[in-house]
Amino acid sequence: MNRFHPWRVRLVIVIIVIAAFAVHSSAVDLSVEMKSQAEKMVEALVTQQYEKFVAYTLPAVVDGVGGKEQMIKKLQTETTKMVHEGYRLNSVTLASSPDMFEAQGHLYGLLVETITMRAPGGTLTKESFLIGVSYDQGSTWSFVEGENFKEDTLKTVFPELVGKFVLPTQKEPTYVPDGSR
C-alpha cells in the first residue's frame, strides 16, 4: 500500500504554507514594532521630550553618560548650544522596514534614518542609522545612534554582532542654502 496518499501530501503542503506564513507574519510584526518604538524615540528627540527619549536609548549608552539625569542634562545643554549657533532639528524619517537578525538570544535591527535640520543659511540632511536591540523577543526595543559606529566600536558595544552584519557606509551630509530650491 502507498504511504503517500494524495490527501496526506496536500495536508503536509498546507501545514508548510501555514508555518511559512506564520514565520513571515511574526518577522513583519517584529519589524513593525521596532520601527514604531524607534519613531516614538525620534519624535521625543525632535519635540525635546528628553525623559521619553532616554527611555528608548540603549542602557549602556545612558550608563556611559552617567545615568538618566546626566543624559537629560547633556541633551538640554547640547540643544541650547545648537539653537544658539543657528541649528534646529527639524525631522528624523525612518526607513520603511528595518533589517532584523538574532544573536545570542537577542533581537537586533538596523534602521536607516534621514535627519533634517535647520542650519545657518540653509538646511542640512544626513543619512545615518539606528541599531535597535530587544532583550525580550521584540516586546521592547532600545536604540543607539550608528553615526559614530565603526567596526571597533561594534566589537566593544556588540561583540556578539561582529561578522553577523556589515555597518552601513557613512555618507556626508548635504547642505542646501536658503533660496536654492
Protein backbone atom coordinates (compact mmCIF):
# COMPACT_ATOMS: atom_id res chain seq x y z
CA MET A 1 0.00 0.00 0.00
CA ASN A 2 1.23 3.52 -0.87
CA ARG A 3 2.13 5.56 2.23
CA PHE A 4 1.80 8.87 0.35
CA HIS A 5 -1.90 9.27 -0.27
CA PRO A 6 -2.77 12.49 -2.10
CA TRP A 7 -4.66 13.86 0.92
CA ARG A 8 -1.55 13.37 3.15
CA VAL A 9 0.63 15.20 0.65
CA ARG A 10 -1.90 18.05 0.48
CA LEU A 11 -2.07 18.18 4.27
CA VAL A 12 1.72 18.42 4.55
CA ILE A 13 1.78 21.21 1.92
CA VAL A 14 -0.95 23.14 3.76
CA ILE A 15 0.95 22.80 7.07
CA ILE A 16 4.17 24.04 5.43
CA VAL A 17 2.39 27.02 3.85
CA ILE A 18 0.74 27.94 7.17
CA ALA A 19 4.05 27.64 9.03
CA ALA A 20 5.86 29.77 6.44
CA PHE A 21 3.16 32.43 6.64
CA ALA A 22 3.32 32.44 10.45
CA VAL A 23 7.11 32.90 10.40
CA HIS A 24 6.85 35.71 7.82
CA SER A 25 4.00 37.35 9.75
CA SER A 26 5.99 37.18 13.00
CA ALA A 27 9.04 38.82 11.38
CA VAL A 28 6.82 41.55 9.91
CA ASP A 29 5.21 42.16 13.32
CA LEU A 30 8.65 42.46 14.96
CA SER A 31 9.89 44.94 12.37
CA VAL A 32 6.69 46.98 12.68
CA GLU A 33 7.05 47.05 16.48
CA MET A 34 10.71 48.00 16.27
CA LYS A 35 10.01 50.83 13.83
CA SER A 36 7.06 52.04 15.92
CA GLN A 37 9.21 52.30 19.04
CA ALA A 38 12.03 53.98 17.08
CA GLU A 39 9.52 56.53 15.77
CA LYS A 40 8.45 57.30 19.34
CA MET A 41 12.09 57.81 20.30
CA VAL A 42 12.89 60.19 17.44
CA GLU A 43 9.64 62.10 17.98
CA ALA A 44 10.65 62.56 21.62
CA LEU A 45 14.02 63.93 20.47
CA VAL A 46 12.52 66.31 17.91
CA THR A 47 9.98 67.62 20.47
CA GLN A 48 12.62 67.77 23.23
CA GLN A 49 10.88 65.23 25.49
CA TYR A 50 14.23 64.03 26.76
CA GLU A 51 13.00 61.74 29.52
CA LYS A 52 10.99 59.78 26.97
CA PHE A 53 13.95 59.81 24.56
CA VAL A 54 16.29 58.41 27.20
CA ALA A 55 13.79 55.63 27.98
CA TYR A 56 14.34 54.32 24.42
CA THR A 57 18.12 54.77 24.48
CA LEU A 58 20.35 51.72 24.87
CA PRO A 59 21.02 51.38 28.63
CA ALA A 60 24.79 51.05 28.09
CA VAL A 61 24.79 54.46 26.39
CA VAL A 62 22.79 56.05 29.22
CA ASP A 63 25.14 54.49 31.80
CA GLY A 64 28.15 55.68 29.80
CA VAL A 65 26.95 59.28 30.04
CA GLY A 66 26.49 58.98 33.80
CA GLY A 67 22.87 57.89 34.05
CA LYS A 68 19.45 59.16 33.08
CA GLU A 69 19.65 62.59 34.75
CA GLN A 70 23.11 63.30 33.34
CA MET A 71 21.98 62.33 29.86
CA ILE A 72 18.93 64.59 30.07
CA LYS A 73 21.14 67.49 31.19
CA LYS A 74 23.59 66.82 28.37
CA LEU A 75 20.76 66.74 25.81
CA GLN A 76 19.35 70.03 27.15
CA THR A 77 22.79 71.67 27.10
CA GLU A 78 23.60 70.47 23.59
CA THR A 79 20.19 71.56 22.26
CA THR A 80 20.62 75.04 23.76
CA LYS A 81 24.10 75.27 22.25
CA MET A 82 22.84 74.13 18.81
CA VAL A 83 19.98 76.65 18.84
CA HIS A 84 22.39 79.43 19.86
CA GLU A 85 24.62 78.51 16.90
CA GLY A 86 21.66 78.57 14.48
CA TYR A 87 20.84 74.85 14.26
CA ARG A 88 17.49 73.17 14.90
CA LEU A 89 16.45 69.58 14.42
CA ASN A 90 13.50 69.56 12.02
CA SER A 91 12.77 65.89 11.48
CA VAL A 92 14.02 62.34 11.54
CA THR A 93 12.48 59.98 8.99
CA LEU A 94 12.93 56.24 9.39
CA ALA A 95 13.18 53.70 6.58
CA SER A 96 10.07 51.69 5.93
CA SER A 97 11.49 48.35 7.02
CA PRO A 98 14.39 47.54 9.33
CA ASP A 99 16.89 44.76 8.71
CA MET A 100 16.39 42.25 11.53
CA PHE A 101 18.64 39.50 12.89
CA GLU A 102 19.21 37.42 16.02
CA ALA A 103 22.39 36.81 18.01
CA GLN A 104 22.82 35.08 21.36
CA GLY A 105 19.09 35.03 22.02
CA HIS A 106 18.59 38.77 21.47
CA LEU A 107 16.96 40.52 18.52
CA TYR A 108 18.73 43.29 16.64
CA GLY A 109 17.61 45.61 13.93
CA LEU A 110 19.24 48.16 11.71
CA LEU A 111 17.05 51.08 10.73
CA VAL A 112 18.15 53.71 8.21
CA GLU A 113 17.24 57.26 9.19
CA THR A 114 17.28 60.60 7.41
CA ILE A 115 17.95 63.55 9.70
CA THR A 116 16.98 67.04 8.53
CA MET A 117 18.00 70.14 10.43
CA ARG A 118 17.92 73.85 10.00
CA ALA A 119 21.43 75.28 9.77
CA PRO A 120 22.66 78.85 9.43
CA GLY A 121 21.60 79.95 5.93
CA GLY A 122 20.16 76.61 4.84
CA THR A 123 19.20 73.02 5.56
CA LEU A 124 21.39 70.04 6.38
CA THR A 125 20.30 66.50 5.55
CA LYS A 126 22.18 63.46 6.80
CA GLU A 127 21.52 59.77 6.31
CA SER A 128 22.53 57.59 9.23
CA PHE A 129 21.20 54.54 11.05
CA LEU A 130 19.94 53.28 14.38
CA ILE A 131 20.83 49.94 15.89
CA GLY A 132 17.88 48.54 17.82
CA VAL A 133 18.16 45.86 20.49
CA SER A 134 15.44 43.80 22.13
CA TYR A 135 16.28 41.57 25.08
CA ASP A 136 12.68 40.30 25.37
CA GLN A 137 11.99 38.83 21.91
CA GLY A 138 10.71 42.09 20.41
CA SER A 139 8.33 43.47 23.04
CA THR A 140 10.55 46.42 23.92
CA TRP A 141 13.39 47.99 21.98
CA SER A 142 16.23 50.31 22.87
CA PHE A 143 18.36 52.15 20.34
CA VAL A 144 21.78 53.61 19.74
CA GLU A 145 22.66 56.09 17.01
CA GLY A 146 25.01 54.50 14.50
CA GLU A 147 26.56 57.73 13.22
CA ASN A 148 29.85 57.27 15.05
CA PHE A 149 29.92 53.47 14.94
CA LYS A 150 32.93 51.89 13.34
CA GLU A 151 33.88 48.22 13.35
CA ASP A 152 35.98 48.66 16.53
CA THR A 153 33.02 50.34 18.29
CA LEU A 154 30.84 47.43 17.24
CA LYS A 155 33.36 45.00 18.75
CA THR A 156 33.21 46.86 22.06
CA VAL A 157 29.46 47.53 22.34
CA PHE A 158 28.06 44.50 20.49
CA PRO A 159 30.78 41.83 20.26
CA GLU A 160 28.08 39.25 19.50
CA LEU A 161 27.36 41.04 16.21
CA VAL A 162 30.86 41.01 14.78
CA GLY A 163 30.67 39.17 11.48
CA LYS A 164 26.86 39.00 11.58
CA PHE A 165 26.27 42.13 9.53
CA VAL A 166 28.10 44.99 7.87
CA LEU A 167 27.69 48.52 9.15
CA PRO A 168 26.24 50.86 6.52
CA THR A 169 28.68 53.20 4.83
CA GLN A 170 28.57 56.64 6.41
CA LYS A 171 27.52 59.37 4.00
CA GLU A 172 28.45 63.03 4.08
CA PRO A 173 25.63 65.44 4.94
CA THR A 174 24.16 67.56 2.17
CA TYR A 175 23.72 71.30 2.63
CA VAL A 176 21.13 73.23 0.66
CA PRO A 177 21.43 77.01 1.00
CA ASP A 178 18.22 79.00 1.52
CA GLY A 179 16.63 80.13 -1.74
CA SER A 180 18.29 77.49 -3.89
CA ARG A 181 15.30 75.16 -4.10
